[in-house]
Amino acid sequence: MAEGLRRGDRAEAANAVAVATDMRAEAAMHRNPTHRVVAALAGVAARDIANEAGRKHPDIAEPALAERTAEVLRELGLGQLDVATFDAWVARQAKRVLLDRPERTLEASPAAVVALKRHPALRAALPGFARALGQQLAARLDRKLAGRGQIVARWPTVAGASLLARLDALEAALGEESPENLRHEVTAAARRERSRLFRVRKDLLELFGDARLMTEVVAASRGELAPGFATQVVAHTRAQLRATSAERFAHVDEEAKQTLDHRDLDEGTPDELAASFDGEDDAVALELLRLKVGEPATRRGRLRQPALLLVDETQDLTAIELSLLGAARRDSGSLTISGDDAQQMATGAAFPGWDGVLAELGADGKHATHVALERNHRSRAPIVRFSAAVLGPLARAEEAAATGGADVLVTRVDDAASAALRIVRGVRELRARRPRASLAVLAARAETARHLRAVLPAGVTVATVIAAKGLEFDVVVVPDASSAEYDDSPEARRRLYVACSRAIEQLWVVGPGEPSPLLPQVSDISDRHAARDASSD
């Protein structure tokens, strides 16, 4: 159950700070207008999105859920609010601010790259990297102004909250000390360095291309990042550093550069990564810009600061991402955050607790009071109890608003093939008996989802667990509750909990091979029994 925070020193809804779960909530419970918005967003029943997306792809797209959220807000008379996934939001802000952001962003970066660039250990390394950039700045000034090492030696003593502030202070001091006929050289050299500070592309390539520094980041992760990740990130970055074929062959006639398959020159070749940008780079680049110049802003623009900032799934945002959202928050504006720490699944996110979230967002938590929503308004009582048992020591006390309901069905089978056969039979009978029921099969891996998608009937949503966050279905089938997929770890507990808690009326958990140790109980049930129980009202 997610905890909540609410400003205790102000009564106005516009200034409320509230945290809710993603469970359906009764409107009568939320008299405060801000809380009603949270409840509406928390209870988005995006079955139409899920069913449509499931037919096309085993993963449900987050943008579709954002679109559905926008529809809910329009129904509440709040159609003027801008709704976007964090990735889409930060990309827009980066394009608005950064002077040298590449045009091409990779749709999917390697897992090692995503994990390292979102890990807290990278964020911790950025201030040191910024200090190294400052030393490089001082060395360039020293060479340009013939300082003979004096500027380099002086740099550590120059005060300032950012590299830009320190450069300004150094320029002023050198200007006063220089003969009048040489002051223009100081001004010109400082102007060049100032312009360089507002550009981050080369700095990012230097950061992620530094094998020693990336190895230190991996070591600082205390085993959360694999040793090989550093090498993979460096190789990936060096590939991005290359010029594209279009740039290298700019002198060649355009007609001569047309490919037989009409694809881009670099597509499907080792140069495919040339001059590209990872989606995770946007947040890192804006944070690095802040360290260099004091705020994520350039002459091109600054972060858009809305009067109302509402953030959902807060538990899956990294510290850098939360800090950026905090920079985009107006001091006098409204801030509403929602999330469930039991559902933290995103790579690199390390949930710091709600007080930590508020601190990263720059919000005053001194007057905030914790509020726990203790009633589950989505699932039937047996599902709530089963899901809590899966969470084990991570669970908080909660009760189901709806009493009664069918017991959770747990089936043990010999292997994945047997699991698929049982699921297909049970789903077909369920669809025949309850054609209007929404049904989802939620797998731990995309590969499992693809295999099941190929054999299950149309109209059944098949997705990965992480893709189904925030959604709900009448019936949910977990097809792979084995020890291999769900071991006894906090991460596995949260993942299996998310899968189970998507169910409203009926939950069927199938454990192929050695069942997961997280399952409260395992029983062998015949195909006929499984199909009958799974399809009962």
Protein backbone atom coordinates (compact mmCIF):
# COMPACT_ATOMS: atom_id res chain seq x y z
CA MET A 1 0.00 0.00 0.00
CA ALA A 2 1.46 3.34 -0.91
CA GLU A 3 1.94 5.92 1.76
CA GLY A 4 0.74 9.44 1.23
CA LEU A 5 1.94 12.92 1.99
CA ARG A 6 -0.20 15.97 2.39
CA ARG A 7 0.71 19.55 3.25
CA GLY A 8 -0.54 20.14 6.76
CA ASP A 9 -0.01 23.89 6.95
CA ARG A 10 -2.31 24.96 4.11
CA ALA A 11 -5.90 24.19 3.35
CA GLU A 12 -6.00 25.23 -0.29
CA ALA A 13 -6.28 22.35 -2.72
CA ALA A 14 -3.99 24.16 -5.17
CA ASN A 15 -1.11 23.81 -2.73
CA ALA A 16 -1.72 20.22 -1.68
CA VAL A 17 0.98 17.60 -1.85
CA ALA A 18 -0.75 14.22 -2.01
CA VAL A 19 0.44 10.69 -2.65
CA ALA A 20 -2.03 7.97 -3.61
CA THR A 21 -1.88 4.39 -4.73
CA ASP A 22 -2.72 3.35 -8.27
CA MET A 23 -5.81 1.53 -6.99
CA ARG A 24 -9.36 2.53 -7.83
CA ALA A 25 -10.77 4.94 -5.27
CA GLU A 26 -14.32 5.94 -4.50
CA ALA A 27 -14.98 9.56 -5.41
CA ALA A 28 -16.84 10.05 -2.14
CA MET A 29 -13.60 9.48 -0.25
CA HIS A 30 -11.92 12.45 -1.89
CA ARG A 31 -13.72 15.71 -1.21
CA ASN A 32 -10.61 17.74 -1.89
CA PRO A 33 -10.48 18.63 -5.64
CA THR A 34 -6.79 17.78 -5.89
CA HIS A 35 -7.42 14.38 -4.31
CA ARG A 36 -10.22 13.71 -6.78
CA VAL A 37 -7.75 14.23 -9.62
CA VAL A 38 -5.33 11.79 -7.98
CA ALA A 39 -8.12 9.25 -7.51
CA ALA A 40 -9.22 9.56 -11.12
CA LEU A 41 -5.71 9.07 -12.45
CA ALA A 42 -5.03 6.27 -9.98
CA GLY A 43 -8.10 4.43 -11.15
CA VAL A 44 -7.65 4.54 -14.92
CA ALA A 45 -9.15 1.29 -16.15
CA ALA A 46 -7.45 1.22 -19.52
CA ARG A 47 -8.86 -2.08 -20.79
CA ASP A 48 -9.45 -0.68 -24.25
CA ILE A 49 -5.80 0.36 -24.43
CA ALA A 50 -4.61 -2.99 -23.15
CA ASN A 51 -6.69 -5.07 -25.52
CA GLU A 52 -5.74 -3.02 -28.57
CA ALA A 53 -2.06 -2.95 -27.69
CA GLY A 54 -2.04 -6.64 -26.83
CA ARG A 55 -3.16 -7.57 -30.32
CA LYS A 56 -0.26 -5.70 -31.85
CA HIS A 57 2.60 -6.21 -29.44
CA PRO A 58 3.30 -8.15 -26.24
CA ASP A 59 4.10 -4.92 -24.41
CA ILE A 60 1.50 -2.27 -23.61
CA ALA A 61 2.84 1.16 -24.50
CA GLU A 62 3.09 3.76 -21.74
CA PRO A 63 2.14 6.55 -24.17
CA ALA A 64 -1.23 4.85 -24.62
CA LEU A 65 -1.84 4.97 -20.88
CA ALA A 66 -0.81 8.63 -20.85
CA GLU A 67 -3.31 9.27 -23.62
CA ARG A 68 -6.05 7.54 -21.65
CA THR A 69 -5.14 9.62 -18.59
CA ALA A 70 -5.54 12.75 -20.70
CA GLU A 71 -9.03 11.55 -21.66
CA VAL A 72 -9.94 11.09 -17.99
CA LEU A 73 -8.75 14.61 -17.21
CA ARG A 74 -10.81 16.03 -20.06
CA GLU A 75 -13.85 14.29 -18.63
CA LEU A 76 -13.11 16.03 -15.32
CA GLY A 77 -12.96 19.39 -17.11
CA LEU A 78 -9.15 19.51 -16.94
CA GLY A 79 -8.39 19.09 -20.61
CA GLN A 80 -5.89 21.94 -20.54
CA LEU A 81 -3.39 19.80 -18.59
CA ASP A 82 -0.45 18.40 -20.56
CA VAL A 83 -0.07 14.64 -19.98
CA ALA A 84 3.04 12.76 -21.03
CA THR A 85 5.32 9.92 -20.00
CA PHE A 86 8.50 11.07 -18.28
CA ASP A 87 10.59 10.07 -21.31
CA ALA A 88 8.45 12.20 -23.61
CA TRP A 89 8.45 15.11 -21.16
CA VAL A 90 12.20 15.16 -20.59
CA ALA A 91 12.87 14.83 -24.33
CA ARG A 92 10.72 17.91 -24.98
CA GLN A 93 12.52 19.82 -22.24
CA ALA A 94 15.94 18.80 -23.57
CA LYS A 95 15.02 19.96 -27.07
CA ARG A 96 13.77 23.19 -25.53
CA VAL A 97 16.98 23.81 -23.58
CA LEU A 98 20.04 22.04 -25.00
CA LEU A 99 22.04 23.75 -27.72
CA ASP A 100 23.69 20.64 -29.13
CA ARG A 101 21.28 17.74 -28.67
CA PRO A 102 21.49 15.27 -31.59
CA GLU A 103 18.35 14.91 -33.68
CA ARG A 104 18.32 11.10 -33.65
CA THR A 105 17.37 9.34 -30.42
CA LEU A 106 17.65 5.57 -30.24
CA GLU A 107 14.30 3.86 -29.74
CA ALA A 108 15.89 1.13 -27.63
CA SER A 109 19.33 1.29 -26.06
CA PRO A 110 21.23 -1.79 -24.78
CA ALA A 111 20.18 -2.96 -21.33
CA ALA A 112 23.65 -2.28 -19.88
CA VAL A 113 23.53 1.31 -21.13
CA VAL A 114 20.07 1.93 -19.67
CA ALA A 115 21.00 0.38 -16.32
CA LEU A 116 24.22 2.35 -15.88
CA LYS A 117 22.83 5.70 -17.04
CA ARG A 118 19.88 5.43 -14.62
CA HIS A 119 21.84 4.10 -11.65
CA PRO A 120 22.35 6.26 -8.54
CA ALA A 121 26.09 5.57 -8.74
CA LEU A 122 26.28 7.61 -11.96
CA ARG A 123 24.47 10.54 -10.36
CA ALA A 124 26.96 10.40 -7.48
CA ALA A 125 29.87 10.55 -9.96
CA LEU A 126 28.63 13.64 -11.83
CA PRO A 127 29.86 16.31 -9.37
CA GLY A 128 33.37 14.89 -9.57
CA PHE A 129 33.18 14.81 -13.34
CA ALA A 130 32.05 18.45 -13.32
CA ARG A 131 35.03 19.34 -11.14
CA ALA A 132 37.32 17.67 -13.68
CA LEU A 133 35.72 19.76 -16.43
CA GLY A 134 36.49 22.84 -14.34
CA GLN A 135 40.13 21.83 -14.12
CA GLN A 136 40.22 21.39 -17.89
CA LEU A 137 38.69 24.86 -18.29
CA ALA A 138 41.39 26.37 -16.07
CA ALA A 139 44.12 24.56 -18.03
CA ARG A 140 42.83 25.94 -21.35
CA LEU A 141 42.69 29.46 -19.93
CA ASP A 142 46.18 29.05 -18.54
CA ARG A 143 47.54 28.09 -21.97
CA LYS A 144 45.62 30.79 -23.80
CA LEU A 145 46.63 33.57 -21.42
CA ALA A 146 50.20 32.29 -20.85
CA GLY A 147 49.51 31.83 -17.16
CA ARG A 148 52.45 29.46 -16.70
CA GLY A 149 50.46 27.32 -14.29
CA GLN A 150 49.27 30.17 -12.12
CA ILE A 151 45.66 30.04 -13.35
CA VAL A 152 45.54 26.27 -12.86
CA ALA A 153 46.90 26.69 -9.32
CA ARG A 154 44.44 29.48 -8.59
CA TRP A 155 41.32 27.70 -9.86
CA PRO A 156 40.64 25.56 -6.73
CA THR A 157 40.49 28.73 -4.63
CA VAL A 158 37.92 30.47 -6.83
CA ALA A 159 34.51 30.41 -5.14
CA GLY A 160 31.21 29.79 -6.90
CA ALA A 161 28.19 27.46 -6.86
CA SER A 162 28.78 26.39 -10.48
CA LEU A 163 31.55 26.35 -13.05
CA LEU A 164 29.95 29.40 -14.68
CA ALA A 165 29.95 31.36 -11.43
CA ARG A 166 33.58 30.44 -10.82
CA LEU A 167 34.53 31.42 -14.36
CA ASP A 168 32.84 34.79 -13.90
CA ALA A 169 34.73 35.36 -10.66
CA LEU A 170 38.03 34.31 -12.22
CA GLU A 171 37.50 36.55 -15.23
CA ALA A 172 36.80 39.53 -12.98
CA ALA A 173 39.94 38.91 -10.91
CA LEU A 174 42.19 38.38 -13.94
CA GLY A 175 40.74 41.47 -15.61
CA GLU A 176 41.60 43.62 -12.62
CA GLU A 177 45.12 42.23 -12.43
CA SER A 178 45.92 42.44 -16.16
CA PRO A 179 47.31 45.50 -17.94
CA GLU A 180 44.58 47.47 -19.68
CA ASN A 181 45.85 46.53 -23.15
CA LEU A 182 45.54 42.79 -22.32
CA ARG A 183 42.12 42.79 -20.68
CA HIS A 184 40.41 42.14 -23.99
CA GLU A 185 42.32 38.84 -24.23
CA VAL A 186 41.00 37.80 -20.82
CA THR A 187 37.47 38.76 -21.91
CA ALA A 188 37.75 36.87 -25.22
CA ALA A 189 39.17 33.71 -23.59
CA ALA A 190 36.48 33.73 -20.89
CA ARG A 191 33.78 34.25 -23.53
CA ARG A 192 34.92 31.13 -25.41
CA GLU A 193 34.92 29.06 -22.23
CA ARG A 194 31.52 30.44 -21.23
CA SER A 195 30.07 29.37 -24.57
CA ARG A 196 31.58 25.94 -24.09
CA LEU A 197 29.96 25.54 -20.68
CA PHE A 198 26.49 25.77 -22.21
CA ARG A 199 27.16 22.81 -24.50
CA VAL A 200 27.05 19.28 -23.11
CA ARG A 201 27.25 16.84 -26.02
CA LYS A 202 31.05 16.52 -25.96
CA ASP A 203 31.00 16.27 -22.20
CA LEU A 204 28.56 13.35 -22.33
CA LEU A 205 30.74 11.54 -24.84
CA GLU A 206 33.76 12.15 -22.62
CA LEU A 207 31.85 10.97 -19.55
CA PHE A 208 30.53 7.73 -20.99
CA GLY A 209 33.65 7.09 -23.06
CA ASP A 210 35.94 7.18 -20.02
CA ALA A 211 36.65 3.52 -19.23
CA ARG A 212 38.22 4.29 -15.86
CA LEU A 213 35.32 6.42 -14.68
CA MET A 214 32.70 3.94 -15.91
CA THR A 215 34.54 1.15 -14.08
CA GLU A 216 34.41 3.26 -10.91
CA VAL A 217 30.66 3.78 -11.37
CA VAL A 218 30.12 0.04 -11.72
CA ALA A 219 32.25 -0.61 -8.62
CA ALA A 220 30.26 1.99 -6.65
CA SER A 221 27.02 0.17 -7.50
CA ARG A 222 28.01 -2.60 -5.05
CA GLY A 223 27.20 -5.41 -7.42
CA GLU A 224 23.97 -3.96 -8.83
CA LEU A 225 25.74 -3.30 -12.14
CA ALA A 226 27.62 -6.18 -13.76
CA PRO A 227 31.39 -5.66 -14.29
CA GLY A 228 30.97 -5.94 -18.06
CA PHE A 229 28.56 -3.00 -18.16
CA ALA A 230 31.41 -0.47 -18.12
CA THR A 231 33.00 -1.96 -21.23
CA GLN A 232 29.64 -2.12 -23.01
CA VAL A 233 28.83 1.52 -22.26
CA VAL A 234 32.25 2.71 -23.44
CA ALA A 235 31.99 0.73 -26.69
CA HIS A 236 28.45 2.02 -27.26
CA THR A 237 29.56 5.61 -26.67
CA ARG A 238 32.52 5.35 -29.03
CA ALA A 239 30.19 4.05 -31.73
CA GLN A 240 27.96 7.08 -31.17
CA LEU A 241 30.98 9.35 -31.50
CA ARG A 242 31.56 8.33 -35.12
CA ALA A 243 30.35 10.50 -37.96
CA THR A 244 27.46 9.15 -40.01
CA SER A 245 28.01 7.85 -43.53
CA ALA A 246 25.99 10.79 -44.81
CA GLU A 247 28.49 13.14 -43.17
CA ARG A 248 31.55 11.21 -44.36
CA PHE A 249 30.27 11.02 -47.92
CA ALA A 250 28.71 14.45 -48.11
CA HIS A 251 30.80 15.16 -51.24
CA VAL A 252 29.23 12.21 -53.09
CA ASP A 253 26.26 12.78 -55.39
CA GLU A 254 22.95 12.05 -53.63
CA GLU A 255 21.78 9.66 -56.34
CA ALA A 256 24.92 7.59 -55.90
CA LYS A 257 24.20 7.21 -52.18
CA GLN A 258 20.77 5.63 -52.67
CA THR A 259 20.65 2.09 -51.27
CA LEU A 260 18.99 -0.81 -53.06
CA ASP A 261 16.58 -1.39 -50.16
CA HIS A 262 15.93 2.38 -49.79
CA ARG A 263 17.07 2.33 -46.17
CA ASP A 264 19.42 4.79 -44.51
CA LEU A 265 23.09 4.28 -45.38
CA ASP A 266 23.94 3.29 -41.80
CA GLU A 267 20.86 1.22 -41.00
CA GLY A 268 21.79 -2.37 -40.20
CA THR A 269 25.54 -1.61 -40.26
CA PRO A 270 28.16 -1.09 -37.51
CA ASP A 271 27.71 2.66 -38.07
CA GLU A 272 24.04 2.55 -37.11
CA LEU A 273 24.81 4.19 -33.74
CA ALA A 274 26.79 7.06 -35.26
CA ALA A 275 25.74 10.52 -34.01
CA SER A 276 22.88 9.05 -31.99
CA PHE A 277 21.52 9.88 -28.54
CA ASP A 278 20.16 7.56 -25.86
CA GLY A 279 16.84 8.44 -24.27
CA GLU A 280 18.53 8.27 -20.87
CA ASP A 281 20.98 10.99 -21.98
CA ASP A 282 18.37 13.75 -21.74
CA ALA A 283 18.13 13.68 -17.95
CA VAL A 284 21.89 13.24 -17.52
CA ALA A 285 22.63 16.10 -19.94
CA LEU A 286 20.27 18.50 -18.16
CA GLU A 287 21.73 17.56 -14.77
CA LEU A 288 25.26 18.08 -16.08
CA LEU A 289 24.21 21.44 -17.51
CA ARG A 290 22.91 22.41 -14.07
CA LEU A 291 26.21 21.49 -12.46
CA LYS A 292 28.10 23.54 -15.05
CA VAL A 293 26.02 26.72 -15.23
CA GLY A 294 23.82 26.61 -12.12
CA GLU A 295 20.47 25.70 -13.71
CA PRO A 296 19.23 23.62 -16.66
CA ALA A 297 18.87 26.65 -18.92
CA THR A 298 20.59 28.19 -21.96
CA ARG A 299 19.96 31.12 -24.28
CA ARG A 300 17.72 28.75 -26.19
CA GLY A 301 15.33 28.27 -23.30
CA ARG A 302 14.70 26.83 -19.84
CA LEU A 303 12.52 24.14 -18.34
CA ARG A 304 8.83 24.84 -18.68
CA GLN A 305 7.38 25.51 -15.24
CA PRO A 306 3.70 24.55 -15.03
CA ALA A 307 1.39 25.91 -12.36
CA LEU A 308 0.32 22.32 -11.59
CA LEU A 309 2.75 19.40 -11.59
CA LEU A 310 1.27 15.92 -11.08
CA VAL A 311 3.66 12.97 -11.11
CA ASP A 312 2.47 9.36 -11.13
CA GLU A 313 4.53 6.17 -10.59
CA THR A 314 6.97 8.30 -8.60
CA GLN A 315 8.68 5.22 -7.15
CA ASP A 316 10.15 4.38 -10.56
CA LEU A 317 11.89 7.71 -11.15
CA THR A 318 15.61 8.10 -10.50
CA ALA A 319 17.09 10.83 -8.31
CA ILE A 320 18.20 12.80 -11.38
CA GLU A 321 14.72 12.57 -12.87
CA LEU A 322 13.07 13.70 -9.65
CA SER A 323 15.53 16.58 -9.38
CA LEU A 324 14.65 17.73 -12.90
CA LEU A 325 10.96 17.65 -12.10
CA GLY A 326 11.74 19.68 -9.00
CA ALA A 327 13.57 22.25 -11.14
CA ALA A 328 10.46 22.49 -13.32
CA ARG A 329 8.21 23.12 -10.31
CA ARG A 330 7.08 26.62 -9.49
CA ASP A 331 7.63 27.57 -5.86
CA SER A 332 4.06 28.80 -5.68
CA GLY A 333 2.62 26.04 -7.84
CA SER A 334 0.77 22.86 -6.98
CA LEU A 335 2.64 19.57 -6.63
CA THR A 336 0.88 16.20 -6.50
CA ILE A 337 2.85 12.97 -6.47
CA SER A 338 1.48 9.45 -6.48
CA GLY A 339 3.03 6.04 -6.37
CA ASP A 340 3.37 2.71 -4.64
CA ASP A 341 6.82 1.72 -3.41
CA ALA A 342 5.72 -1.93 -3.47
CA GLN A 343 5.55 -1.62 -7.26
CA GLN A 344 9.02 -0.21 -7.88
CA MET A 345 10.35 -2.03 -10.93
CA ALA A 346 12.17 0.46 -13.15
CA THR A 347 15.85 -0.08 -13.90
CA GLY A 348 18.12 2.17 -11.85
CA ALA A 349 15.42 3.59 -9.60
CA ALA A 350 16.27 3.42 -5.90
CA PHE A 351 13.21 4.58 -3.99
CA PRO A 352 14.46 6.91 -1.19
CA GLY A 353 11.18 6.99 0.75
CA TRP A 354 8.55 9.69 0.46
CA ASP A 355 10.56 12.20 2.46
CA GLY A 356 13.47 11.58 0.10
CA VAL A 357 11.21 12.04 -2.92
CA LEU A 358 10.02 15.40 -1.60
CA ALA A 359 13.61 16.46 -0.93
CA GLU A 360 14.68 15.60 -4.49
CA LEU A 361 11.68 17.55 -5.80
CA GLY A 362 12.72 20.53 -3.73
CA ALA A 363 9.42 20.46 -1.80
CA ASP A 364 9.15 21.42 1.84
CA GLY A 365 8.39 18.23 3.72
CA LYS A 366 8.55 19.74 7.22
CA HIS A 367 4.82 20.35 7.30
CA ALA A 368 3.83 17.19 5.45
CA THR A 369 1.91 14.46 7.23
CA HIS A 370 1.95 10.83 6.15
CA VAL A 371 -1.36 9.39 5.03
CA ALA A 372 -1.75 5.69 4.23
CA LEU A 373 -4.61 4.59 1.99
CA GLU A 374 -5.59 1.38 3.70
CA ARG A 375 -8.41 0.10 1.49
CA ASN A 376 -7.87 -1.64 -1.80
CA HIS A 377 -10.62 -0.61 -4.20
CA ARG A 378 -9.49 -2.76 -7.13
CA SER A 379 -9.24 -6.42 -6.20
CA ARG A 380 -11.44 -8.92 -4.43
CA ALA A 381 -10.41 -9.96 -0.91
CA PRO A 382 -8.70 -13.28 -1.85
CA ILE A 383 -6.52 -11.48 -4.42
CA VAL A 384 -5.59 -8.77 -1.92
CA ARG A 385 -4.55 -11.39 0.65
CA PHE A 386 -2.61 -13.43 -1.90
CA SER A 387 -0.78 -10.37 -3.25
CA ALA A 388 0.15 -9.30 0.28
CA ALA A 389 1.53 -12.78 0.97
CA VAL A 390 3.66 -12.51 -2.17
CA LEU A 391 5.12 -9.23 -0.91
CA GLY A 392 5.90 -10.86 2.44
CA PRO A 393 8.02 -8.50 4.58
CA LEU A 394 7.50 -5.67 2.07
CA ALA A 395 3.71 -5.68 2.53
CA ARG A 396 1.73 -3.07 4.43
CA ALA A 397 -1.59 -3.70 6.13
CA GLU A 398 -4.58 -3.17 3.86
CA GLU A 399 -8.06 -4.53 3.40
CA ALA A 400 -10.22 -5.07 0.38
CA ALA A 401 -13.16 -2.74 -0.08
CA ALA A 402 -15.01 -5.55 -1.90
CA THR A 403 -15.53 -8.66 0.23
CA GLY A 404 -15.95 -12.18 -1.10
CA GLY A 405 -14.74 -13.41 -4.45
CA ALA A 406 -13.22 -16.57 -5.88
CA ASP A 407 -10.12 -18.07 -4.31
CA VAL A 408 -6.84 -17.55 -6.13
CA LEU A 409 -6.07 -20.55 -8.31
CA VAL A 410 -2.47 -21.82 -8.13
CA THR A 411 -1.48 -24.58 -10.53
CA ARG A 412 1.78 -26.49 -10.72
CA VAL A 413 2.88 -28.04 -14.05
CA ASP A 414 6.02 -29.80 -15.23
CA ASP A 415 7.35 -27.23 -17.71
CA ALA A 416 6.59 -24.13 -19.80
CA ALA A 417 5.03 -26.17 -22.61
CA SER A 418 2.58 -27.79 -20.21
CA ALA A 419 1.82 -24.39 -18.75
CA ALA A 420 1.00 -23.01 -22.20
CA LEU A 421 -1.37 -25.92 -22.94
CA ARG A 422 -3.25 -25.49 -19.69
CA ILE A 423 -3.50 -21.73 -20.11
CA VAL A 424 -4.79 -22.00 -23.69
CA ARG A 425 -7.51 -24.46 -22.63
CA GLY A 426 -8.52 -22.44 -19.60
CA VAL A 427 -8.57 -19.14 -21.50
CA ARG A 428 -10.68 -20.56 -24.34
CA GLU A 429 -13.28 -21.89 -21.93
CA LEU A 430 -13.26 -18.61 -20.03
CA ARG A 431 -13.81 -16.61 -23.21
CA ALA A 432 -16.73 -18.85 -24.10
CA ARG A 433 -18.37 -18.44 -20.69
CA ARG A 434 -17.53 -14.78 -20.06
CA PRO A 435 -17.03 -13.10 -23.43
CA ARG A 436 -17.19 -9.60 -21.94
CA ALA A 437 -14.61 -10.17 -19.21
CA SER A 438 -11.27 -8.47 -19.73
CA LEU A 439 -8.48 -11.03 -19.50
CA ALA A 440 -4.72 -10.58 -19.39
CA VAL A 441 -1.79 -12.96 -19.39
CA LEU A 442 1.15 -11.18 -17.75
CA ALA A 443 4.61 -12.70 -18.21
CA ALA A 444 7.91 -11.79 -16.63
CA ARG A 445 9.72 -11.75 -19.99
CA ALA A 446 8.79 -10.35 -23.40
CA GLU A 447 9.88 -13.61 -25.04
CA THR A 448 7.35 -15.58 -22.97
CA ALA A 449 4.66 -13.06 -23.85
CA ARG A 450 5.43 -13.39 -27.58
CA HIS A 451 5.19 -17.18 -27.48
CA LEU A 452 1.86 -17.09 -25.66
CA ARG A 453 0.51 -14.35 -27.92
CA ALA A 454 0.97 -16.70 -30.87
CA VAL A 455 -1.28 -19.42 -29.38
CA LEU A 456 -3.92 -17.49 -27.44
CA PRO A 457 -7.18 -16.30 -29.01
CA ALA A 458 -7.76 -12.72 -30.16
CA GLY A 459 -9.05 -10.31 -27.55
CA VAL A 460 -6.75 -11.58 -24.79
CA THR A 461 -4.17 -9.08 -23.62
CA VAL A 462 -0.69 -10.59 -23.45
CA ALA A 463 1.98 -8.34 -21.96
CA THR A 464 5.00 -8.19 -19.73
CA VAL A 465 4.39 -7.39 -16.09
CA ILE A 466 6.18 -4.06 -16.22
CA ALA A 467 4.12 -3.01 -19.24
CA ALA A 468 0.87 -3.71 -17.38
CA LYS A 469 1.58 -1.39 -14.46
CA GLY A 470 -1.32 0.93 -13.83
CA LEU A 471 -3.78 -1.31 -15.68
CA GLU A 472 -6.45 -3.67 -14.37
CA PHE A 473 -8.35 -6.68 -15.75
CA ASP A 474 -11.25 -8.83 -14.62
CA VAL A 475 -9.07 -11.93 -14.84
CA VAL A 476 -5.28 -12.16 -14.76
CA VAL A 477 -3.16 -15.21 -15.56
CA VAL A 478 0.46 -15.36 -14.39
CA PRO A 479 1.96 -18.04 -16.69
CA ASP A 480 5.52 -18.32 -15.38
CA ALA A 481 5.53 -18.27 -11.56
CA SER A 482 8.63 -20.45 -11.35
CA SER A 483 11.66 -20.09 -9.11
CA ALA A 484 13.68 -19.14 -12.19
CA GLU A 485 11.53 -16.09 -12.87
CA TYR A 486 10.53 -15.18 -9.32
CA ASP A 487 13.19 -16.01 -6.77
CA ASP A 488 13.10 -14.93 -3.13
CA SER A 489 14.34 -11.37 -3.63
CA PRO A 490 12.74 -7.95 -3.08
CA GLU A 491 12.79 -7.27 -6.82
CA ALA A 492 11.00 -10.52 -7.63
CA ARG A 493 8.46 -9.93 -4.86
CA ARG A 494 7.56 -6.52 -6.26
CA ARG A 495 7.34 -7.84 -9.83
CA LEU A 496 5.07 -10.76 -8.91
CA TYR A 497 2.99 -8.46 -6.72
CA VAL A 498 2.41 -6.11 -9.65
CA ALA A 499 1.29 -9.05 -11.80
CA CYS A 500 -1.12 -10.40 -9.20
CA SER A 501 -2.55 -7.06 -8.15
CA ARG A 502 -3.70 -6.25 -11.71
CA ALA A 503 -6.60 -8.69 -11.19
CA ILE A 504 -10.05 -7.47 -10.15
CA GLU A 505 -12.14 -10.64 -9.81
CA GLN A 506 -10.01 -13.71 -10.54
CA LEU A 507 -6.32 -14.57 -10.40
CA TRP A 508 -4.80 -17.75 -11.83
CA VAL A 509 -1.12 -18.39 -11.12
CA VAL A 510 0.71 -21.14 -13.02
CA GLY A 511 4.07 -22.40 -11.77
CA PRO A 512 6.02 -24.42 -14.37
CA GLY A 513 8.85 -26.61 -13.11
CA GLU A 514 10.03 -25.63 -9.65
CA PRO A 515 7.43 -23.14 -8.40
CA SER A 516 8.41 -19.76 -7.06
CA PRO A 517 9.14 -19.73 -3.32
CA LEU A 518 7.02 -16.58 -3.13
CA LEU A 519 3.76 -18.46 -3.78
CA PRO A 520 1.70 -18.89 -0.61
CA GLN A 521 0.69 -22.39 -1.69
CA VAL A 522 0.99 -24.69 -4.69
CA SER A 523 -1.48 -27.41 -5.65
CA ASP A 524 -1.73 -29.77 -8.59
CA ILE A 525 -5.03 -29.27 -10.39
CA SER A 526 -6.31 -31.05 -13.46
CA ASP A 527 -6.90 -29.25 -16.75
CA ARG A 528 -10.66 -29.59 -16.34
CA HIS A 529 -10.58 -28.29 -12.76
CA ALA A 530 -8.30 -25.39 -13.68
CA ALA A 531 -10.45 -24.36 -16.62
CA ARG A 532 -13.66 -24.60 -14.57
CA ASP A 533 -12.31 -22.57 -11.64
CA ALA A 534 -10.62 -19.97 -13.81
CA SER A 535 -13.81 -19.35 -15.75
CA SER A 536 -16.20 -19.24 -12.79
CA ASP A 537 -17.76 -15.95 -11.75
